Amino acid sequence: MIRHCVLLKFLPETSDDSKQAALSGIKDLPNHIPEILSYSVGFDAALRDDNYDLAVVGDFENAEDYLIYASHEKHLEVISNLLAPHLASRSAVQYEL
């Protein structure tokens, strides 16, 4: 099993509406990509000032299923339209469970 973890930091000028649209778009991905076994998405709880703003954790049966997700047109659409214009930084890791 492969776990995919992403941390996103929005640009300071990103509006709350844009952040909510990004969250909604990401949360909708399991409805379009059946290879996603489990998916958790949420905003930072603001317990520290140096944290990222949004986290995504997805589980996949194997590396092939993760790669299908990573290159899926709906996933790429969310990245292009809802995330990329508003991101200051992104960090990610995939590891075997």
PDB file of N, CA and C in Angstrom:
ATOM      1  N   MET A   1       0.845  -1.174   0.000  1.00  0.00           N
ATOM      2  CA  MET A   1       0.000   0.000   0.000  1.00  0.00           C
ATOM      3  C   MET A   1       0.892   1.240   0.000  1.00  0.00           C
ATOM      4  N   ILE A   2       0.474   2.255  -0.719  1.00  0.00           N
ATOM      5  CA  ILE A   2       1.202   3.524  -0.809  1.00  0.00           C
ATOM      6  C   ILE A   2       0.393   4.631  -0.123  1.00  0.00           C
ATOM      7  N   ARG A   3       1.069   5.371   0.731  1.00  0.00           N
ATOM      8  CA  ARG A   3       0.454   6.559   1.343  1.00  0.00           C
ATOM      9  C   ARG A   3       1.098   7.796   0.717  1.00  0.00           C
ATOM     10  N   HIS A   4       0.249   8.725   0.319  1.00  0.00           N
ATOM     11  CA  HIS A   4       0.662   9.985  -0.319  1.00  0.00           C
ATOM     12  C   HIS A   4       0.291  11.117   0.633  1.00  0.00           C
ATOM     13  N   CYS A   5       1.269  11.917   1.033  1.00  0.00           N
ATOM     14  CA  CYS A   5       1.043  13.038   1.960  1.00  0.00           C
ATOM     15  C   CYS A   5       1.523  14.327   1.304  1.00  0.00           C
ATOM     16  N   VAL A   6       0.674  15.343   1.338  1.00  0.00           N
ATOM     17  CA  VAL A   6       1.001  16.638   0.746  1.00  0.00           C
ATOM     18  C   VAL A   6       0.712  17.740   1.753  1.00  0.00           C
ATOM     19  N   LEU A   7       1.604  18.706   1.842  1.00  0.00           N
ATOM     20  CA  LEU A   7       1.403  19.910   2.641  1.00  0.00           C
ATOM     21  C   LEU A   7       1.450  21.104   1.704  1.00  0.00           C
ATOM     22  N   LEU A   8       0.463  21.973   1.831  1.00  0.00           N
ATOM     23  CA  LEU A   8       0.340  23.132   0.948  1.00  0.00           C
ATOM     24  C   LEU A   8       0.358  24.417   1.759  1.00  0.00           C
ATOM     25  N   LYS A   9       1.073  25.402   1.242  1.00  0.00           N
ATOM     26  CA  LYS A   9       1.128  26.741   1.857  1.00  0.00           C
ATOM     27  C   LYS A   9       0.591  27.732   0.840  1.00  0.00           C
ATOM     28  N   PHE A  10      -0.472  28.425   1.191  1.00  0.00           N
ATOM     29  CA  PHE A  10      -1.070  29.408   0.294  1.00  0.00           C
ATOM     30  C   PHE A  10      -0.299  30.721   0.331  1.00  0.00           C
ATOM     31  N   LEU A  11      -0.367  31.448  -0.764  1.00  0.00           N
ATOM     32  CA  LEU A  11       0.175  32.803  -0.793  1.00  0.00           C
ATOM     33  C   LEU A  11      -0.586  33.658   0.220  1.00  0.00           C
ATOM     34  N   PRO A  12       0.070  34.625   0.849  1.00  0.00           N
ATOM     35  CA  PRO A  12      -0.600  35.443   1.863  1.00  0.00           C
ATOM     36  C   PRO A  12      -1.863  36.139   1.356  1.00  0.00           C
ATOM     37  N   GLU A  13      -1.888  36.495   0.077  1.00  0.00           N
ATOM     38  CA  GLU A  13      -3.041  37.222  -0.459  1.00  0.00           C
ATOM     39  C   GLU A  13      -4.195  36.317  -0.903  1.00  0.00           C
ATOM     40  N   THR A  14      -4.061  35.023  -0.729  1.00  0.00           N
ATOM     41  CA  THR A  14      -5.118  34.101  -1.153  1.00  0.00           C
ATOM     42  C   THR A  14      -6.368  34.316  -0.307  1.00  0.00           C
ATOM     43  N   SER A  15      -7.489  34.509  -0.975  1.00  0.00           N
ATOM     44  CA  SER A  15      -8.745  34.764  -0.272  1.00  0.00           C
ATOM     45  C   SER A  15      -9.279  33.493   0.387  1.00  0.00           C
ATOM     46  N   ASP A  16     -10.129  33.679   1.384  1.00  0.00           N
ATOM     47  CA  ASP A  16     -10.776  32.543   2.036  1.00  0.00           C
ATOM     48  C   ASP A  16     -11.628  31.765   1.039  1.00  0.00           C
ATOM     49  N   ASP A  17     -12.268  32.464   0.111  1.00  0.00           N
ATOM     50  CA  ASP A  17     -13.072  31.783  -0.913  1.00  0.00           C
ATOM     51  C   ASP A  17     -12.206  30.877  -1.782  1.00  0.00           C
ATOM     52  N   SER A  18     -11.035  31.329  -2.157  1.00  0.00           N
ATOM     53  CA  SER A  18     -10.127  30.506  -2.960  1.00  0.00           C
ATOM     54  C   SER A  18      -9.630  29.301  -2.169  1.00  0.00           C
ATOM     55  N   LYS A  19      -9.361  29.493  -0.887  1.00  0.00           N
ATOM     56  CA  LYS A  19      -8.937  28.380  -0.033  1.00  0.00           C
ATOM     57  C   LYS A  19     -10.054  27.345   0.090  1.00  0.00           C
ATOM     58  N   GLN A  20     -11.273  27.814   0.270  1.00  0.00           N
ATOM     59  CA  GLN A  20     -12.418  26.900   0.377  1.00  0.00           C
ATOM     60  C   GLN A  20     -12.662  26.159  -0.937  1.00  0.00           C
ATOM     61  N   ALA A  21     -12.500  26.847  -2.052  1.00  0.00           N
ATOM     62  CA  ALA A  21     -12.669  26.209  -3.362  1.00  0.00           C
ATOM     63  C   ALA A  21     -11.612  25.120  -3.552  1.00  0.00           C
ATOM     64  N   ALA A  22     -10.380  25.388  -3.129  1.00  0.00           N
ATOM     65  CA  ALA A  22      -9.319  24.390  -3.215  1.00  0.00           C
ATOM     66  C   ALA A  22      -9.661  23.174  -2.356  1.00  0.00           C
ATOM     67  N   LEU A  23     -10.101  23.413  -1.138  1.00  0.00           N
ATOM     68  CA  LEU A  23     -10.489  22.324  -0.245  1.00  0.00           C
ATOM     69  C   LEU A  23     -11.610  21.489  -0.861  1.00  0.00           C
ATOM     70  N   SER A  24     -12.624  22.143  -1.378  1.00  0.00           N
ATOM     71  CA  SER A  24     -13.754  21.426  -1.984  1.00  0.00           C
ATOM     72  C   SER A  24     -13.316  20.612  -3.193  1.00  0.00           C
ATOM     73  N   GLY A  25     -12.476  21.207  -4.029  1.00  0.00           N
ATOM     74  CA  GLY A  25     -11.990  20.499  -5.208  1.00  0.00           C
ATOM     75  C   GLY A  25     -11.193  19.262  -4.852  1.00  0.00           C
ATOM     76  N   ILE A  26     -10.341  19.380  -3.840  1.00  0.00           N
ATOM     77  CA  ILE A  26      -9.537  18.241  -3.407  1.00  0.00           C
ATOM     78  C   ILE A  26     -10.437  17.163  -2.800  1.00  0.00           C
ATOM     79  N   LYS A  27     -11.368  17.581  -1.946  1.00  0.00           N
ATOM     80  CA  LYS A  27     -12.258  16.611  -1.301  1.00  0.00           C
ATOM     81  C   LYS A  27     -13.127  15.850  -2.300  1.00  0.00           C
ATOM     82  N   ASP A  28     -13.366  16.433  -3.448  1.00  0.00           N
ATOM     83  CA  ASP A  28     -14.215  15.808  -4.467  1.00  0.00           C
ATOM     84  C   ASP A  28     -13.474  14.757  -5.299  1.00  0.00           C
ATOM     85  N   LEU A  29     -12.164  14.726  -5.234  1.00  0.00           N
ATOM     86  CA  LEU A  29     -11.388  13.824  -6.090  1.00  0.00           C
ATOM     87  C   LEU A  29     -11.749  12.342  -5.941  1.00  0.00           C
ATOM     88  N   PRO A  30     -12.030  11.832  -4.732  1.00  0.00           N
ATOM     89  CA  PRO A  30     -12.418  10.419  -4.641  1.00  0.00           C
ATOM     90  C   PRO A  30     -13.689  10.076  -5.429  1.00  0.00           C
ATOM     91  N   ASN A  31     -14.519  11.048  -5.720  1.00  0.00           N
ATOM     92  CA  ASN A  31     -15.713  10.811  -6.533  1.00  0.00           C
ATOM     93  C   ASN A  31     -15.377  10.601  -8.006  1.00  0.00           C
ATOM     94  N   HIS A  32     -14.160  10.927  -8.393  1.00  0.00           N
ATOM     95  CA  HIS A  32     -13.735  10.841  -9.789  1.00  0.00           C
ATOM     96  C   HIS A  32     -12.624   9.821 -10.021  1.00  0.00           C
ATOM     97  N   ILE A  33     -11.922   9.446  -8.950  1.00  0.00           N
ATOM     98  CA  ILE A  33     -10.740   8.587  -9.091  1.00  0.00           C
ATOM     99  C   ILE A  33     -10.918   7.359  -8.193  1.00  0.00           C
ATOM    100  N   PRO A  34     -11.392   6.264  -8.753  1.00  0.00           N
ATOM    101  CA  PRO A  34     -11.692   5.078  -7.932  1.00  0.00           C
ATOM    102  C   PRO A  34     -10.464   4.421  -7.305  1.00  0.00           C
ATOM    103  N   GLU A  35      -9.276   4.739  -7.778  1.00  0.00           N
ATOM    104  CA  GLU A  35      -8.059   4.157  -7.216  1.00  0.00           C
ATOM    105  C   GLU A  35      -7.739   4.669  -5.814  1.00  0.00           C
ATOM    106  N   ILE A  36      -8.386   5.746  -5.400  1.00  0.00           N
ATOM    107  CA  ILE A  36      -8.181   6.280  -4.049  1.00  0.00           C
ATOM    108  C   ILE A  36      -8.901   5.364  -3.060  1.00  0.00           C
ATOM    109  N   LEU A  37      -8.143   4.748  -2.140  1.00  0.00           N
ATOM    110  CA  LEU A  37      -8.752   3.880  -1.124  1.00  0.00           C
ATOM    111  C   LEU A  37      -9.268   4.677   0.061  1.00  0.00           C
ATOM    112  N   SER A  38      -8.487   5.644   0.502  1.00  0.00           N
ATOM    113  CA  SER A  38      -8.924   6.550   1.571  1.00  0.00           C
ATOM    114  C   SER A  38      -8.282   7.904   1.327  1.00  0.00           C
ATOM    115  N   TYR A  39      -8.957   8.951   1.821  1.00  0.00           N
ATOM    116  CA  TYR A  39      -8.520  10.309   1.522  1.00  0.00           C
ATOM    117  C   TYR A  39      -8.907  11.205   2.683  1.00  0.00           C
ATOM    118  N   SER A  40      -7.957  11.936   3.198  1.00  0.00           N
ATOM    119  CA  SER A  40      -8.202  12.860   4.298  1.00  0.00           C
ATOM    120  C   SER A  40      -7.622  14.217   3.918  1.00  0.00           C
ATOM    121  N   VAL A  41      -8.425  15.252   4.081  1.00  0.00           N
ATOM    122  CA  VAL A  41      -8.019  16.605   3.696  1.00  0.00           C
ATOM    123  C   VAL A  41      -8.471  17.564   4.788  1.00  0.00           C
ATOM    124  N   GLY A  42      -7.602  18.503   5.168  1.00  0.00           N
ATOM    125  CA  GLY A  42      -8.033  19.476   6.159  1.00  0.00           C
ATOM    126  C   GLY A  42      -7.084  20.649   6.289  1.00  0.00           C
ATOM    127  N   PHE A  43      -7.662  21.753   6.789  1.00  0.00           N
ATOM    128  CA  PHE A  43      -6.882  22.947   7.073  1.00  0.00           C
ATOM    129  C   PHE A  43      -6.116  22.768   8.378  1.00  0.00           C
ATOM    130  N   ASP A  44      -5.004  23.445   8.489  1.00  0.00           N
ATOM    131  CA  ASP A  44      -4.206  23.451   9.700  1.00  0.00           C
ATOM    132  C   ASP A  44      -5.042  23.955  10.874  1.00  0.00           C
ATOM    133  N   ALA A  45      -4.846  23.363  12.028  1.00  0.00           N
ATOM    134  CA  ALA A  45      -5.587  23.746  13.230  1.00  0.00           C
ATOM    135  C   ALA A  45      -5.039  25.019  13.881  1.00  0.00           C
ATOM    136  N   ALA A  46      -4.011  25.615  13.296  1.00  0.00           N
ATOM    137  CA  ALA A  46      -3.437  26.886  13.771  1.00  0.00           C
ATOM    138  C   ALA A  46      -2.898  26.797  15.199  1.00  0.00           C
ATOM    139  N   LEU A  47      -2.261  25.684  15.505  1.00  0.00           N
ATOM    140  CA  LEU A  47      -1.651  25.519  16.823  1.00  0.00           C
ATOM    141  C   LEU A  47      -0.231  26.064  16.870  1.00  0.00           C
ATOM    142  N   ARG A  48       0.354  26.270  15.669  1.00  0.00           N
ATOM    143  CA  ARG A  48       1.701  26.848  15.537  1.00  0.00           C
ATOM    144  C   ARG A  48       1.704  27.803  14.356  1.00  0.00           C
ATOM    145  N   ASP A  49       2.547  28.819  14.429  1.00  0.00           N
ATOM    146  CA  ASP A  49       2.617  29.818  13.361  1.00  0.00           C
ATOM    147  C   ASP A  49       3.395  29.349  12.136  1.00  0.00           C
ATOM    148  N   ASP A  50       4.244  28.338  12.283  1.00  0.00           N
ATOM    149  CA  ASP A  50       5.119  27.936  11.184  1.00  0.00           C
ATOM    150  C   ASP A  50       4.604  26.728  10.390  1.00  0.00           C
ATOM    151  N   ASN A  51       3.356  26.343  10.582  1.00  0.00           N
ATOM    152  CA  ASN A  51       2.797  25.190   9.873  1.00  0.00           C
ATOM    153  C   ASN A  51       2.360  25.550   8.460  1.00  0.00           C
ATOM    154  N   TYR A  52       2.186  24.524   7.651  1.00  0.00           N
ATOM    155  CA  TYR A  52       1.554  24.686   6.343  1.00  0.00           C
ATOM    156  C   TYR A  52       0.061  24.925   6.551  1.00  0.00           C
ATOM    157  N   ASP A  53      -0.653  25.275   5.492  1.00  0.00           N
ATOM    158  CA  ASP A  53      -2.061  25.641   5.604  1.00  0.00           C
ATOM    159  C   ASP A  53      -3.042  24.493   5.398  1.00  0.00           C
ATOM    160  N   LEU A  54      -2.674  23.527   4.549  1.00  0.00           N
ATOM    161  CA  LEU A  54      -3.608  22.475   4.161  1.00  0.00           C
ATOM    162  C   LEU A  54      -2.843  21.170   3.999  1.00  0.00           C
ATOM    163  N   ALA A  55      -3.429  20.081   4.470  1.00  0.00           N
ATOM    164  CA  ALA A  55      -2.804  18.764   4.338  1.00  0.00           C
ATOM    165  C   ALA A  55      -3.738  17.820   3.590  1.00  0.00           C
ATOM    166  N   VAL A  56      -3.124  16.941   2.795  1.00  0.00           N
ATOM    167  CA  VAL A  56      -3.849  15.906   2.060  1.00  0.00           C
ATOM    168  C   VAL A  56      -3.122  14.586   2.301  1.00  0.00           C
ATOM    169  N   VAL A  57      -3.876  13.557   2.692  1.00  0.00           N
ATOM    170  CA  VAL A  57      -3.310  12.223   2.872  1.00  0.00           C
ATOM    171  C   VAL A  57      -4.203  11.250   2.115  1.00  0.00           C
ATOM    172  N   GLY A  58      -3.594  10.520   1.179  1.00  0.00           N
ATOM    173  CA  GLY A  58      -4.344   9.535   0.401  1.00  0.00           C
ATOM    174  C   GLY A  58      -3.649   8.195   0.420  1.00  0.00           C
ATOM    175  N   ASP A  59      -4.456   7.136   0.450  1.00  0.00           N
ATOM    176  CA  ASP A  59      -3.921   5.780   0.409  1.00  0.00           C
ATOM    177  C   ASP A  59      -4.331   5.095  -0.879  1.00  0.00           C
ATOM    178  N   PHE A  60      -3.396   4.302  -1.416  1.00  0.00           N
ATOM    179  CA  PHE A  60      -3.575   3.618  -2.691  1.00  0.00           C
ATOM    180  C   PHE A  60      -3.087   2.176  -2.546  1.00  0.00           C
ATOM    181  N   GLU A  61      -3.726   1.268  -3.252  1.00  0.00           N
ATOM    182  CA  GLU A  61      -3.373  -0.153  -3.165  1.00  0.00           C
ATOM    183  C   GLU A  61      -1.913  -0.405  -3.535  1.00  0.00           C
ATOM    184  N   ASN A  62      -1.417   0.332  -4.524  1.00  0.00           N
ATOM    185  CA  ASN A  62      -0.052   0.098  -4.995  1.00  0.00           C
ATOM    186  C   ASN A  62       0.450   1.348  -5.721  1.00  0.00           C
ATOM    187  N   ALA A  63       1.702   1.308  -6.138  1.00  0.00           N
ATOM    188  CA  ALA A  63       2.321   2.454  -6.810  1.00  0.00           C
ATOM    189  C   ALA A  63       1.607   2.791  -8.113  1.00  0.00           C
ATOM    190  N   GLU A  64       1.164   1.773  -8.836  1.00  0.00           N
ATOM    191  CA  GLU A  64       0.468   2.002 -10.109  1.00  0.00           C
ATOM    192  C   GLU A  64      -0.810   2.809  -9.895  1.00  0.00           C
ATOM    193  N   ASP A  65      -1.565   2.469  -8.840  1.00  0.00           N
ATOM    194  CA  ASP A  65      -2.801   3.209  -8.557  1.00  0.00           C
ATOM    195  C   ASP A  65      -2.499   4.655  -8.166  1.00  0.00           C
ATOM    196  N   TYR A  66      -1.414   4.848  -7.400  1.00  0.00           N
ATOM    197  CA  TYR A  66      -1.013   6.223  -7.072  1.00  0.00           C
ATOM    198  C   TYR A  66      -0.689   7.002  -8.348  1.00  0.00           C
ATOM    199  N   LEU A  67       0.040   6.385  -9.262  1.00  0.00           N
ATOM    200  CA  LEU A  67       0.423   7.076 -10.502  1.00  0.00           C
ATOM    201  C   LEU A  67      -0.794   7.387 -11.376  1.00  0.00           C
ATOM    202  N   ILE A  68      -1.803   6.524 -11.351  1.00  0.00           N
ATOM    203  CA  ILE A  68      -3.054   6.825 -12.061  1.00  0.00           C
ATOM    204  C   ILE A  68      -3.678   8.083 -11.461  1.00  0.00           C
ATOM    205  N   TYR A  69      -3.753   8.136 -10.143  1.00  0.00           N
ATOM    206  CA  TYR A  69      -4.270   9.321  -9.438  1.00  0.00           C
ATOM    207  C   TYR A  69      -3.455  10.566  -9.794  1.00  0.00           C
ATOM    208  N   ALA A  70      -2.134  10.457  -9.710  1.00  0.00           N
ATOM    209  CA  ALA A  70      -1.264  11.614  -9.921  1.00  0.00           C
ATOM    210  C   ALA A  70      -1.418  12.212 -11.307  1.00  0.00           C
ATOM    211  N   SER A  71      -1.719  11.381 -12.293  1.00  0.00           N
ATOM    212  CA  SER A  71      -1.844  11.876 -13.665  1.00  0.00           C
ATOM    213  C   SER A  71      -3.295  11.968 -14.145  1.00  0.00           C
ATOM    214  N   HIS A  72      -4.232  11.707 -13.256  1.00  0.00           N
ATOM    215  CA  HIS A  72      -5.653  11.751 -13.631  1.00  0.00           C
ATOM    216  C   HIS A  72      -6.064  13.166 -14.027  1.00  0.00           C
ATOM    217  N   GLU A  73      -6.866  13.284 -15.070  1.00  0.00           N
ATOM    218  CA  GLU A  73      -7.228  14.612 -15.582  1.00  0.00           C
ATOM    219  C   GLU A  73      -7.960  15.459 -14.544  1.00  0.00           C
ATOM    220  N   LYS A  74      -8.794  14.864 -13.703  1.00  0.00           N
ATOM    221  CA  LYS A  74      -9.508  15.642 -12.674  1.00  0.00           C
ATOM    222  C   LYS A  74      -8.525  16.165 -11.619  1.00  0.00           C
ATOM    223  N   HIS A  75      -7.565  15.342 -11.238  1.00  0.00           N
ATOM    224  CA  HIS A  75      -6.539  15.762 -10.290  1.00  0.00           C
ATOM    225  C   HIS A  75      -5.727  16.923 -10.861  1.00  0.00           C
ATOM    226  N   LEU A  76      -5.314  16.791 -12.106  1.00  0.00           N
ATOM    227  CA  LEU A  76      -4.532  17.847 -12.754  1.00  0.00           C
ATOM    228  C   LEU A  76      -5.349  19.132 -12.921  1.00  0.00           C
ATOM    229  N   GLU A  77      -6.641  18.987 -13.151  1.00  0.00           N
ATOM    230  CA  GLU A  77      -7.529  20.156 -13.257  1.00  0.00           C
ATOM    231  C   GLU A  77      -7.603  20.907 -11.935  1.00  0.00           C
ATOM    232  N   VAL A  78      -7.751  20.175 -10.832  1.00  0.00           N
ATOM    233  CA  VAL A  78      -7.789  20.810  -9.503  1.00  0.00           C
ATOM    234  C   VAL A  78      -6.469  21.531  -9.233  1.00  0.00           C
ATOM    235  N   ILE A  79      -5.375  20.881  -9.551  1.00  0.00           N
ATOM    236  CA  ILE A  79      -4.065  21.514  -9.349  1.00  0.00           C
ATOM    237  C   ILE A  79      -3.951  22.791 -10.170  1.00  0.00           C
ATOM    238  N   SER A  80      -4.268  22.709 -11.445  1.00  0.00           N
ATOM    239  CA  SER A  80      -4.107  23.864 -12.352  1.00  0.00           C
ATOM    240  C   SER A  80      -5.034  25.017 -12.010  1.00  0.00           C
ATOM    241  N   ASN A  81      -6.286  24.707 -11.731  1.00  0.00           N
ATOM    242  CA  ASN A  81      -7.294  25.758 -11.571  1.00  0.00           C
ATOM    243  C   ASN A  81      -7.464  26.257 -10.143  1.00  0.00           C
ATOM    244  N   LEU A  82      -7.322  25.359  -9.164  1.00  0.00           N
ATOM    245  CA  LEU A  82      -7.664  25.731  -7.788  1.00  0.00           C
ATOM    246  C   LEU A  82      -6.465  25.853  -6.855  1.00  0.00           C
ATOM    247  N   LEU A  83      -5.355  25.237  -7.213  1.00  0.00           N
ATOM    248  CA  LEU A  83      -4.194  25.257  -6.318  1.00  0.00           C
ATOM    249  C   LEU A  83      -3.038  26.104  -6.830  1.00  0.00           C
ATOM    250  N   ALA A  84      -2.507  25.766  -7.982  1.00  0.00           N
ATOM    251  CA  ALA A  84      -1.271  26.397  -8.472  1.00  0.00           C
ATOM    252  C   ALA A  84      -1.292  27.924  -8.435  1.00  0.00           C
ATOM    253  N   PRO A  85      -2.397  28.569  -8.819  1.00  0.00           N
ATOM    254  CA  PRO A  85      -2.386  30.041  -8.801  1.00  0.00           C
ATOM    255  C   PRO A  85      -2.257  30.652  -7.400  1.00  0.00           C
ATOM    256  N   HIS A  86      -2.466  29.820  -6.369  1.00  0.00           N
ATOM    257  CA  HIS A  86      -2.530  30.352  -5.006  1.00  0.00           C
ATOM    258  C   HIS A  86      -1.447  29.806  -4.073  1.00  0.00           C
ATOM    259  N   LEU A  87      -0.546  28.977  -4.585  1.00  0.00           N
ATOM    260  CA  LEU A  87       0.410  28.314  -3.703  1.00  0.00           C
ATOM    261  C   LEU A  87       1.748  29.032  -3.608  1.00  0.00           C
ATOM    262  N   ALA A  88       2.212  29.167  -2.379  1.00  0.00           N
ATOM    263  CA  ALA A  88       3.561  29.653  -2.115  1.00  0.00           C
ATOM    264  C   ALA A  88       4.532  28.475  -2.101  1.00  0.00           C
ATOM    265  N   SER A  89       4.076  27.323  -1.575  1.00  0.00           N
ATOM    266  CA  SER A  89       4.938  26.149  -1.545  1.00  0.00           C
ATOM    267  C   SER A  89       4.119  24.874  -1.367  1.00  0.00           C
ATOM    268  N   ARG A  90       4.793  23.770  -1.711  1.00  0.00           N
ATOM    269  CA  ARG A  90       4.198  22.439  -1.622  1.00  0.00           C
ATOM    270  C   ARG A  90       5.290  21.462  -1.240  1.00  0.00           C
ATOM    271  N   SER A  91       4.972  20.551  -0.339  1.00  0.00           N
ATOM    272  CA  SER A  91       5.866  19.454  -0.001  1.00  0.00           C
ATOM    273  C   SER A  91       5.063  18.170  -0.065  1.00  0.00           C
ATOM    274  N   ALA A  92       5.693  17.099  -0.529  1.00  0.00           N
ATOM    275  CA  ALA A  92       4.989  15.825  -0.630  1.00  0.00           C
ATOM    276  C   ALA A  92       5.934  14.671  -0.401  1.00  0.00           C
ATOM    277  N   VAL A  93       5.356  13.559  -0.011  1.00  0.00           N
ATOM    278  CA  VAL A  93       6.083  12.307   0.144  1.00  0.00           C
ATOM    279  C   VAL A  93       5.112  11.159  -0.118  1.00  0.00           C
ATOM    280  N   GLN A  94       5.635  10.088  -0.707  1.00  0.00           N
ATOM    281  CA  GLN A  94       4.883   8.865  -0.857  1.00  0.00           C
ATOM    282  C   GLN A  94       5.715   7.772  -0.187  1.00  0.00           C
ATOM    283  N   TYR A  95       5.059   6.926   0.600  1.00  0.00           N
ATOM    284  CA  TYR A  95       5.799   5.852   1.247  1.00  0.00           C
ATOM    285  C   TYR A  95       4.943   4.604   1.330  1.00  0.00           C
ATOM    286  N   GLU A  96       5.606   3.470   1.506  1.00  0.00           N
ATOM    287  CA  GLU A  96       4.896   2.200   1.619  1.00  0.00           C
ATOM    288  C   GLU A  96       4.442   1.983   3.042  1.00  0.00           C
ATOM    289  N   LEU A  97       3.218   1.528   3.186  1.00  0.00           N
ATOM    290  CA  LEU A  97       2.683   1.176   4.501  1.00  0.00           C
ATOM    291  C   LEU A  97       2.963  -0.284   4.778  1.00  0.00           C
TER     292      LEU A  97
END
